[in-house]
Amino acid sequence: RNYTVRNFFRDSMSSGDLAFFYHSSCEVPGIVGVMEIVGDA
C-alpha cells in the first residue's frame, strides 16, 4: 500500500524478472533467496 511500490509493480517489473527475497523485521534481516516475477501486474 505505497504508490512508489505500486508503480514498481505496474511499470518497472516484467514477467520473468528476478528479485531477491529479503526477510525484514526479524532477528537476522537479509536476503534469503531469489524469486521470479510471474505474469503481469
All heavy atoms as atom14 arrays in JSON, in Angstrom:
{
  "sequence": "RNYTVRNFFRDSMSSGDLAFFYHSSCEVPGIVGVMEIVGDA",
  "atom14_mask": [
    [1, 1, 1, 1, 1, 1, 1, 1, 1, 1, 1, 0, 0, 0],
    [1, 1, 1, 1, 1, 1, 1, 1, 0, 0, 0, 0, 0, 0],
    [1, 1, 1, 1, 1, 1, 1, 1, 1, 1, 1, 1, 0, 0],
    [1, 1, 1, 1, 1, 1, 1, 0, 0, 0, 0, 0, 0, 0],
    [1, 1, 1, 1, 1, 1, 1, 0, 0, 0, 0, 0, 0, 0],
    [1, 1, 1, 1, 1, 1, 1, 1, 1, 1, 1, 0, 0, 0],
    [1, 1, 1, 1, 1, 1, 1, 1, 0, 0, 0, 0, 0, 0],
    [1, 1, 1, 1, 1, 1, 1, 1, 1, 1, 1, 0, 0, 0],
    [1, 1, 1, 1, 1, 1, 1, 1, 1, 1, 1, 0, 0, 0],
    [1, 1, 1, 1, 1, 1, 1, 1, 1, 1, 1, 0, 0, 0],
    [1, 1, 1, 1, 1, 1, 1, 1, 0, 0, 0, 0, 0, 0],
    [1, 1, 1, 1, 1, 1, 0, 0, 0, 0, 0, 0, 0, 0],
    [1, 1, 1, 1, 1, 1, 1, 1, 0, 0, 0, 0, 0, 0],
    [1, 1, 1, 1, 1, 1, 0, 0, 0, 0, 0, 0, 0, 0],
    [1, 1, 1, 1, 1, 1, 0, 0, 0, 0, 0, 0, 0, 0],
    [1, 1, 1, 1, 0, 0, 0, 0, 0, 0, 0, 0, 0, 0],
    [1, 1, 1, 1, 1, 1, 1, 1, 0, 0, 0, 0, 0, 0],
    [1, 1, 1, 1, 1, 1, 1, 1, 0, 0, 0, 0, 0, 0],
    [1, 1, 1, 1, 1, 0, 0, 0, 0, 0, 0, 0, 0, 0],
    [1, 1, 1, 1, 1, 1, 1, 1, 1, 1, 1, 0, 0, 0],
    [1, 1, 1, 1, 1, 1, 1, 1, 1, 1, 1, 0, 0, 0],
    [1, 1, 1, 1, 1, 1, 1, 1, 1, 1, 1, 1, 0, 0],
    [1, 1, 1, 1, 1, 1, 1, 1, 1, 1, 0, 0, 0, 0],
    [1, 1, 1, 1, 1, 1, 0, 0, 0, 0, 0, 0, 0, 0],
    [1, 1, 1, 1, 1, 1, 0, 0, 0, 0, 0, 0, 0, 0],
    [1, 1, 1, 1, 1, 1, 0, 0, 0, 0, 0, 0, 0, 0],
    [1, 1, 1, 1, 1, 1, 1, 1, 1, 0, 0, 0, 0, 0],
    [1, 1, 1, 1, 1, 1, 1, 0, 0, 0, 0, 0, 0, 0],
    [1, 1, 1, 1, 1, 1, 1, 0, 0, 0, 0, 0, 0, 0],
    [1, 1, 1, 1, 0, 0, 0, 0, 0, 0, 0, 0, 0, 0],
    [1, 1, 1, 1, 1, 1, 1, 1, 0, 0, 0, 0, 0, 0],
    [1, 1, 1, 1, 1, 1, 1, 0, 0, 0, 0, 0, 0, 0],
    [1, 1, 1, 1, 0, 0, 0, 0, 0, 0, 0, 0, 0, 0],
    [1, 1, 1, 1, 1, 1, 1, 0, 0, 0, 0, 0, 0, 0],
    [1, 1, 1, 1, 1, 1, 1, 1, 0, 0, 0, 0, 0, 0],
    [1, 1, 1, 1, 1, 1, 1, 1, 1, 0, 0, 0, 0, 0],
    [1, 1, 1, 1, 1, 1, 1, 1, 0, 0, 0, 0, 0, 0],
    [1, 1, 1, 1, 1, 1, 1, 0, 0, 0, 0, 0, 0, 0],
    [1, 1, 1, 1, 0, 0, 0, 0, 0, 0, 0, 0, 0, 0],
    [1, 1, 1, 1, 1, 1, 1, 1, 0, 0, 0, 0, 0, 0],
    [1, 1, 1, 1, 1, 0, 0, 0, 0, 0, 0, 0, 0, 0]
  ],
  "atom14_positions": [
    [[0.84, -1.2, 0.0], [0.0, 0.0, 0.0], [0.87, 1.25, 0.0], [0.81, 2.09, 0.88], [-0.94, -0.01, 1.21], [-1.94, -1.15, 1.21], [-2.9, -1.07, 0.04], [-3.88, -2.14, 0.06], [-3.78, -3.27, -0.63], [-2.71, -3.49, -1.39], [-4.73, -4.18, -0.58], [0.0, 0.0, 0.0], [0.0, 0.0, 0.0], [0.0, 0.0, 0.0]],
    [[1.68, 1.35, -1.02], [2.56, 2.5, -1.21], [2.57, 2.78, -2.7], [2.73, 1.87, -3.52], [3.96, 2.15, -0.7], [4.96, 3.26, -0.94], [5.41, 3.44, -2.06], [5.31, 3.98, 0.1], [0.0, 0.0, 0.0], [0.0, 0.0, 0.0], [0.0, 0.0, 0.0], [0.0, 0.0, 0.0], [0.0, 0.0, 0.0], [0.0, 0.0, 0.0]],
    [[2.4, 4.04, -3.09], [2.31, 4.37, -4.51], [3.6, 4.1, -5.26], [3.57, 3.69, -6.42], [1.86, 5.83, -4.69], [0.41, 6.02, -4.34], [0.04, 6.65, -3.15], [-0.59, 5.54, -5.17], [-1.3, 6.8, -2.81], [-1.93, 5.69, -4.85], [-2.27, 6.33, -3.67], [-3.6, 6.46, -3.34], [0.0, 0.0, 0.0], [0.0, 0.0, 0.0]],
    [[4.74, 4.29, -4.63], [6.01, 4.0, -5.29], [6.11, 2.51, -5.59], [6.5, 2.12, -6.7], [7.2, 4.48, -4.44], [7.08, 5.89, -4.24], [8.52, 4.16, -5.09], [0.0, 0.0, 0.0], [0.0, 0.0, 0.0], [0.0, 0.0, 0.0], [0.0, 0.0, 0.0], [0.0, 0.0, 0.0], [0.0, 0.0, 0.0], [0.0, 0.0, 0.0]],
    [[5.75, 1.68, -4.62], [5.77, 0.23, -4.82], [4.76, -0.16, -5.9], [5.05, -0.97, -6.78], [5.52, -0.52, -3.5], [5.32, -2.0, -3.75], [6.66, -0.28, -2.53], [0.0, 0.0, 0.0], [0.0, 0.0, 0.0], [0.0, 0.0, 0.0], [0.0, 0.0, 0.0], [0.0, 0.0, 0.0], [0.0, 0.0, 0.0], [0.0, 0.0, 0.0]],
    [[3.57, 0.42, -5.84], [2.56, 0.14, -6.87], [3.12, 0.44, -8.25], [2.95, -0.34, -9.2], [1.31, 0.97, -6.63], [0.22, 0.62, -7.63], [-0.6, 1.73, -8.2], [0.03, 2.98, -8.47], [-0.61, 4.14, -8.42], [-1.87, 4.18, -8.05], [0.0, 5.25, -8.72], [0.0, 0.0, 0.0], [0.0, 0.0, 0.0], [0.0, 0.0, 0.0]],
    [[3.82, 1.57, -8.38], [4.38, 1.94, -9.67], [5.49, 0.98, -10.11], [5.59, 0.68, -11.3], [4.9, 3.38, -9.63], [3.77, 4.38, -9.44], [2.59, 4.05, -9.57], [4.13, 5.59, -9.08], [0.0, 0.0, 0.0], [0.0, 0.0, 0.0], [0.0, 0.0, 0.0], [0.0, 0.0, 0.0], [0.0, 0.0, 0.0], [0.0, 0.0, 0.0]],
    [[6.31, 0.5, -9.16], [7.3, -0.53, -9.5], [6.59, -1.75, -10.06], [6.98, -2.29, -11.1], [8.13, -0.95, -8.28], [9.14, 0.04, -7.79], [9.47, 0.07, -6.45], [9.79, 0.92, -8.64], [10.42, 0.96, -5.96], [10.73, 1.82, -8.16], [11.04, 1.84, -6.82], [0.0, 0.0, 0.0], [0.0, 0.0, 0.0], [0.0, 0.0, 0.0]],
    [[5.59, -2.22, -9.36], [4.84, -3.41, -9.8], [4.25, -3.19, -11.2], [4.35, -4.05, -12.06], [3.69, -3.73, -8.84], [4.07, -4.48, -7.6], [3.15, -4.6, -6.57], [5.3, -5.07, -7.44], [3.45, -5.32, -5.42], [5.62, -5.79, -6.29], [4.69, -5.9, -5.28], [0.0, 0.0, 0.0], [0.0, 0.0, 0.0], [0.0, 0.0, 0.0]],
    [[3.63, -2.06, -11.38], [2.88, -1.78, -12.61], [3.79, -1.44, -13.78], [3.56, -1.91, -14.9], [1.92, -0.61, -12.33], [0.95, -0.31, -13.44], [0.18, 0.97, -13.18], [1.11, 2.09, -13.16], [0.87, 3.25, -12.57], [-0.27, 3.45, -11.94], [1.74, 4.22, -12.59], [0.0, 0.0, 0.0], [0.0, 0.0, 0.0], [0.0, 0.0, 0.0]],
    [[4.84, -0.62, -13.53], [5.59, -0.02, -14.63], [7.01, -0.55, -14.81], [7.58, -0.4, -15.89], [5.68, 1.5, -14.43], [4.33, 2.15, -14.27], [3.34, 1.64, -14.83], [4.25, 3.17, -13.55], [0.0, 0.0, 0.0], [0.0, 0.0, 0.0], [0.0, 0.0, 0.0], [0.0, 0.0, 0.0], [0.0, 0.0, 0.0], [0.0, 0.0, 0.0]],
    [[7.6, -1.12, -13.78], [9.03, -1.44, -13.85], [9.34, -2.93, -13.86], [10.47, -3.31, -14.15], [9.76, -0.81, -12.65], [9.61, 0.59, -12.68], [0.0, 0.0, 0.0], [0.0, 0.0, 0.0], [0.0, 0.0, 0.0], [0.0, 0.0, 0.0], [0.0, 0.0, 0.0], [0.0, 0.0, 0.0], [0.0, 0.0, 0.0], [0.0, 0.0, 0.0]],
    [[8.37, -3.76, -13.54], [8.61, -5.21, -13.5], [7.97, -5.87, -14.71], [6.94, -5.42, -15.2], [8.01, -5.82, -12.23], [8.69, -5.41, -10.98], [7.87, -6.24, -9.58], [9.0, -5.81, -8.28], [0.0, 0.0, 0.0], [0.0, 0.0, 0.0], [0.0, 0.0, 0.0], [0.0, 0.0, 0.0], [0.0, 0.0, 0.0], [0.0, 0.0, 0.0]],
    [[8.59, -6.95, -15.12], [8.07, -7.76, -16.22], [8.09, -9.22, -15.82], [8.93, -9.64, -15.01], [8.92, -7.58, -17.48], [8.9, -6.25, -17.91], [0.0, 0.0, 0.0], [0.0, 0.0, 0.0], [0.0, 0.0, 0.0], [0.0, 0.0, 0.0], [0.0, 0.0, 0.0], [0.0, 0.0, 0.0], [0.0, 0.0, 0.0], [0.0, 0.0, 0.0]],
    [[7.21, -9.99, -16.41], [7.22, -11.42, -16.19], [8.59, -11.96, -16.58], [9.14, -11.59, -17.62], [6.13, -12.09, -17.02], [6.01, -13.45, -16.7], [0.0, 0.0, 0.0], [0.0, 0.0, 0.0], [0.0, 0.0, 0.0], [0.0, 0.0, 0.0], [0.0, 0.0, 0.0], [0.0, 0.0, 0.0], [0.0, 0.0, 0.0], [0.0, 0.0, 0.0]],
    [[9.15, -12.79, -15.72], [10.48, -13.34, -15.95], [11.59, -12.61, -15.23], [12.7, -13.13, -15.1], [0.0, 0.0, 0.0], [0.0, 0.0, 0.0], [0.0, 0.0, 0.0], [0.0, 0.0, 0.0], [0.0, 0.0, 0.0], [0.0, 0.0, 0.0], [0.0, 0.0, 0.0], [0.0, 0.0, 0.0], [0.0, 0.0, 0.0], [0.0, 0.0, 0.0]],
    [[11.32, -11.39, -14.75], [12.32, -10.67, -13.96], [12.6, -11.44, -12.68], [11.72, -12.13, -12.15], [11.83, -9.26, -13.58], [11.86, -8.27, -14.72], [12.44, -8.58, -15.79], [11.31, -7.17, -14.54], [0.0, 0.0, 0.0], [0.0, 0.0, 0.0], [0.0, 0.0, 0.0], [0.0, 0.0, 0.0], [0.0, 0.0, 0.0], [0.0, 0.0, 0.0]],
    [[13.82, -11.3, -12.19], [14.2, -11.93, -10.93], [14.25, -10.88, -9.83], [14.52, -9.71, -10.09], [15.55, -12.62, -11.07], [15.61, -13.75, -12.09], [17.03, -14.32, -12.16], [14.62, -14.85, -11.77], [0.0, 0.0, 0.0], [0.0, 0.0, 0.0], [0.0, 0.0, 0.0], [0.0, 0.0, 0.0], [0.0, 0.0, 0.0], [0.0, 0.0, 0.0]],
    [[14.0, -11.32, -8.6], [14.03, -10.43, -7.44], [14.64, -11.17, -6.26], [14.47, -12.38, -6.13], [12.61, -9.99, -7.08], [0.0, 0.0, 0.0], [0.0, 0.0, 0.0], [0.0, 0.0, 0.0], [0.0, 0.0, 0.0], [0.0, 0.0, 0.0], [0.0, 0.0, 0.0], [0.0, 0.0, 0.0], [0.0, 0.0, 0.0], [0.0, 0.0, 0.0]],
    [[15.33, -10.43, -5.43], [15.79, -11.01, -4.17], [14.61, -11.08, -3.2], [13.78, -10.18, -3.16], [16.89, -10.15, -3.53], [18.21, -10.2, -4.24], [18.83, -9.05, -4.67], [18.85, -11.42, -4.48], [20.05, -9.08, -5.31], [20.07, -11.47, -5.12], [20.67, -10.3, -5.55], [0.0, 0.0, 0.0], [0.0, 0.0, 0.0], [0.0, 0.0, 0.0]],
    [[14.58, -12.14, -2.41], [13.61, -12.27, -1.32], [14.38, -11.86, -0.07], [15.37, -12.48, 0.3], [13.12, -13.71, -1.2], [11.9, -13.88, -0.33], [10.79, -14.54, -0.81], [11.87, -13.41, 0.98], [9.66, -14.73, -0.01], [10.76, -13.58, 1.78], [9.64, -14.25, 1.28], [0.0, 0.0, 0.0], [0.0, 0.0, 0.0], [0.0, 0.0, 0.0]],
    [[13.91, -10.8, 0.59], [14.58, -10.22, 1.75], [13.68, -10.39, 2.97], [12.53, -9.94, 2.96], [14.84, -8.73, 1.48], [15.6, -8.01, 2.55], [16.97, -7.77, 2.42], [14.97, -7.52, 3.69], [17.68, -7.08, 3.39], [15.67, -6.83, 4.67], [17.02, -6.62, 4.51], [17.72, -5.94, 5.49], [0.0, 0.0, 0.0], [0.0, 0.0, 0.0]],
    [[14.19, -11.04, 4.01], [13.46, -11.13, 5.28], [13.73, -9.86, 6.09], [14.89, -9.52, 6.34], [13.91, -12.34, 6.1], [13.29, -13.62, 5.65], [13.69, -14.84, 6.17], [12.3, -13.91, 4.78], [12.98, -15.81, 5.61], [12.13, -15.27, 4.76], [0.0, 0.0, 0.0], [0.0, 0.0, 0.0], [0.0, 0.0, 0.0], [0.0, 0.0, 0.0]],
    [[12.67, -9.18, 6.5], [12.81, -7.93, 7.24], [12.16, -8.06, 8.62], [11.41, -9.0, 8.87], [12.17, -6.78, 6.46], [10.78, -6.97, 6.33], [0.0, 0.0, 0.0], [0.0, 0.0, 0.0], [0.0, 0.0, 0.0], [0.0, 0.0, 0.0], [0.0, 0.0, 0.0], [0.0, 0.0, 0.0], [0.0, 0.0, 0.0], [0.0, 0.0, 0.0]],
    [[12.45, -7.09, 9.46], [11.86, -7.01, 10.8], [11.94, -8.34, 11.53], [10.95, -8.85, 12.06], [10.4, -6.54, 10.72], [10.33, -5.26, 10.13], [0.0, 0.0, 0.0], [0.0, 0.0, 0.0], [0.0, 0.0, 0.0], [0.0, 0.0, 0.0], [0.0, 0.0, 0.0], [0.0, 0.0, 0.0], [0.0, 0.0, 0.0], [0.0, 0.0, 0.0]],
    [[13.14, -8.89, 11.55], [13.36, -10.17, 12.21], [14.73, -10.14, 12.88], [15.46, -9.16, 12.76], [13.27, -11.33, 11.21], [14.38, -11.21, 9.82], [0.0, 0.0, 0.0], [0.0, 0.0, 0.0], [0.0, 0.0, 0.0], [0.0, 0.0, 0.0], [0.0, 0.0, 0.0], [0.0, 0.0, 0.0], [0.0, 0.0, 0.0], [0.0, 0.0, 0.0]],
    [[15.07, -11.21, 13.57], [16.33, -11.25, 14.31], [17.55, -11.04, 13.41], [18.48, -10.33, 13.77], [16.45, -12.59, 15.05], [17.63, -12.63, 16.0], [17.65, -13.91, 16.82], [16.57, -14.46, 17.11], [18.77, -14.34, 17.17], [0.0, 0.0, 0.0], [0.0, 0.0, 0.0], [0.0, 0.0, 0.0], [0.0, 0.0, 0.0], [0.0, 0.0, 0.0]],
    [[17.53, -11.67, 12.23], [18.65, -11.53, 11.28], [18.08, -11.13, 9.92], [17.81, -11.99, 9.08], [19.46, -12.84, 11.17], [20.64, -12.65, 10.22], [19.94, -13.31, 12.54], [0.0, 0.0, 0.0], [0.0, 0.0, 0.0], [0.0, 0.0, 0.0], [0.0, 0.0, 0.0], [0.0, 0.0, 0.0], [0.0, 0.0, 0.0], [0.0, 0.0, 0.0]],
    [[17.88, -9.83, 9.69], [17.35, -9.42, 8.4], [18.39, -9.61, 7.29], [19.59, -9.48, 7.52], [17.03, -7.94, 8.59], [17.83, -7.5, 9.76], [18.09, -8.71, 10.6], [0.0, 0.0, 0.0], [0.0, 0.0, 0.0], [0.0, 0.0, 0.0], [0.0, 0.0, 0.0], [0.0, 0.0, 0.0], [0.0, 0.0, 0.0], [0.0, 0.0, 0.0]],
    [[17.88, -9.94, 6.1], [18.79, -10.07, 4.97], [18.16, -10.82, 3.81], [17.0, -11.25, 3.87], [0.0, 0.0, 0.0], [0.0, 0.0, 0.0], [0.0, 0.0, 0.0], [0.0, 0.0, 0.0], [0.0, 0.0, 0.0], [0.0, 0.0, 0.0], [0.0, 0.0, 0.0], [0.0, 0.0, 0.0], [0.0, 0.0, 0.0], [0.0, 0.0, 0.0]],
    [[18.95, -10.99, 2.76], [18.5, -11.67, 1.55], [18.59, -13.17, 1.76], [19.64, -13.69, 2.15], [19.34, -11.23, 0.34], [19.21, -9.72, 0.11], [18.94, -12.01, -0.91], [20.17, -9.16, -0.92], [0.0, 0.0, 0.0], [0.0, 0.0, 0.0], [0.0, 0.0, 0.0], [0.0, 0.0, 0.0], [0.0, 0.0, 0.0], [0.0, 0.0, 0.0]],
    [[17.49, -13.87, 1.49], [17.43, -15.3, 1.75], [17.25, -16.13, 0.48], [17.26, -17.36, 0.54], [16.34, -15.63, 2.78], [16.7, -15.07, 4.15], [14.98, -15.13, 2.32], [0.0, 0.0, 0.0], [0.0, 0.0, 0.0], [0.0, 0.0, 0.0], [0.0, 0.0, 0.0], [0.0, 0.0, 0.0], [0.0, 0.0, 0.0], [0.0, 0.0, 0.0]],
    [[17.08, -15.48, -0.65], [16.92, -16.24, -1.89], [16.51, -15.37, -3.05], [16.55, -14.14, -2.98], [0.0, 0.0, 0.0], [0.0, 0.0, 0.0], [0.0, 0.0, 0.0], [0.0, 0.0, 0.0], [0.0, 0.0, 0.0], [0.0, 0.0, 0.0], [0.0, 0.0, 0.0], [0.0, 0.0, 0.0], [0.0, 0.0, 0.0], [0.0, 0.0, 0.0]],
    [[16.12, -16.06, -4.11], [15.74, -15.41, -5.37], [14.37, -15.93, -5.79], [14.08, -17.13, -5.66], [16.78, -15.71, -6.47], [16.34, -15.13, -7.81], [18.16, -15.18, -6.09], [0.0, 0.0, 0.0], [0.0, 0.0, 0.0], [0.0, 0.0, 0.0], [0.0, 0.0, 0.0], [0.0, 0.0, 0.0], [0.0, 0.0, 0.0], [0.0, 0.0, 0.0]],
    [[13.55, -15.04, -6.31], [12.26, -15.42, -6.86], [12.08, -14.78, -8.22], [12.81, -13.84, -8.58], [11.13, -15.06, -5.91], [11.07, -13.65, -5.47], [9.9, -13.48, -4.11], [10.22, -11.8, -3.66], [0.0, 0.0, 0.0], [0.0, 0.0, 0.0], [0.0, 0.0, 0.0], [0.0, 0.0, 0.0], [0.0, 0.0, 0.0], [0.0, 0.0, 0.0]],
    [[11.12, -15.29, -8.96], [10.84, -14.81, -10.31], [9.45, -14.18, -10.35], [8.51, -14.7, -9.75], [10.9, -15.97, -11.3], [10.58, -15.58, -12.72], [10.56, -16.76, -13.68], [10.67, -17.92, -13.23], [10.44, -16.52, -14.89], [0.0, 0.0, 0.0], [0.0, 0.0, 0.0], [0.0, 0.0, 0.0], [0.0, 0.0, 0.0], [0.0, 0.0, 0.0]],
    [[9.34, -13.07, -11.07], [8.05, -12.45, -11.31], [7.33, -13.28, -12.37], [7.91, -13.61, -13.42], [8.22, -10.99, -11.8], [9.09, -10.17, -10.84], [6.85, -10.33, -12.04], [8.63, -10.13, -9.42], [0.0, 0.0, 0.0], [0.0, 0.0, 0.0], [0.0, 0.0, 0.0], [0.0, 0.0, 0.0], [0.0, 0.0, 0.0], [0.0, 0.0, 0.0]],
    [[6.06, -13.63, -12.1], [5.29, -14.48, -13.0], [4.04, -13.72, -13.44], [3.21, -13.36, -12.61], [4.88, -15.79, -12.29], [4.04, -16.66, -13.21], [6.11, -16.54, -11.79], [0.0, 0.0, 0.0], [0.0, 0.0, 0.0], [0.0, 0.0, 0.0], [0.0, 0.0, 0.0], [0.0, 0.0, 0.0], [0.0, 0.0, 0.0], [0.0, 0.0, 0.0]],
    [[3.94, -13.45, -14.72], [2.75, -12.8, -15.26], [2.78, -11.29, -15.09], [3.75, -10.7, -14.64], [0.0, 0.0, 0.0], [0.0, 0.0, 0.0], [0.0, 0.0, 0.0], [0.0, 0.0, 0.0], [0.0, 0.0, 0.0], [0.0, 0.0, 0.0], [0.0, 0.0, 0.0], [0.0, 0.0, 0.0], [0.0, 0.0, 0.0], [0.0, 0.0, 0.0]],
    [[1.67, -10.69, -15.48], [1.52, -9.24, -15.44], [0.98, -8.78, -14.09], [0.4, -9.58, -13.34], [0.55, -8.78, -16.53], [1.1, -9.03, -17.94], [2.33, -8.98, -18.11], [0.28, -9.28, -18.85], [0.0, 0.0, 0.0], [0.0, 0.0, 0.0], [0.0, 0.0, 0.0], [0.0, 0.0, 0.0], [0.0, 0.0, 0.0], [0.0, 0.0, 0.0]],
    [[1.13, -7.49, -13.81], [0.51, -6.9, -12.63], [-1.02, -6.96, -12.81], [-1.52, -6.84, -13.92], [0.96, -5.45, -12.46], [0.0, 0.0, 0.0], [0.0, 0.0, 0.0], [0.0, 0.0, 0.0], [0.0, 0.0, 0.0], [0.0, 0.0, 0.0], [0.0, 0.0, 0.0], [0.0, 0.0, 0.0], [0.0, 0.0, 0.0], [0.0, 0.0, 0.0]]
  ]
}
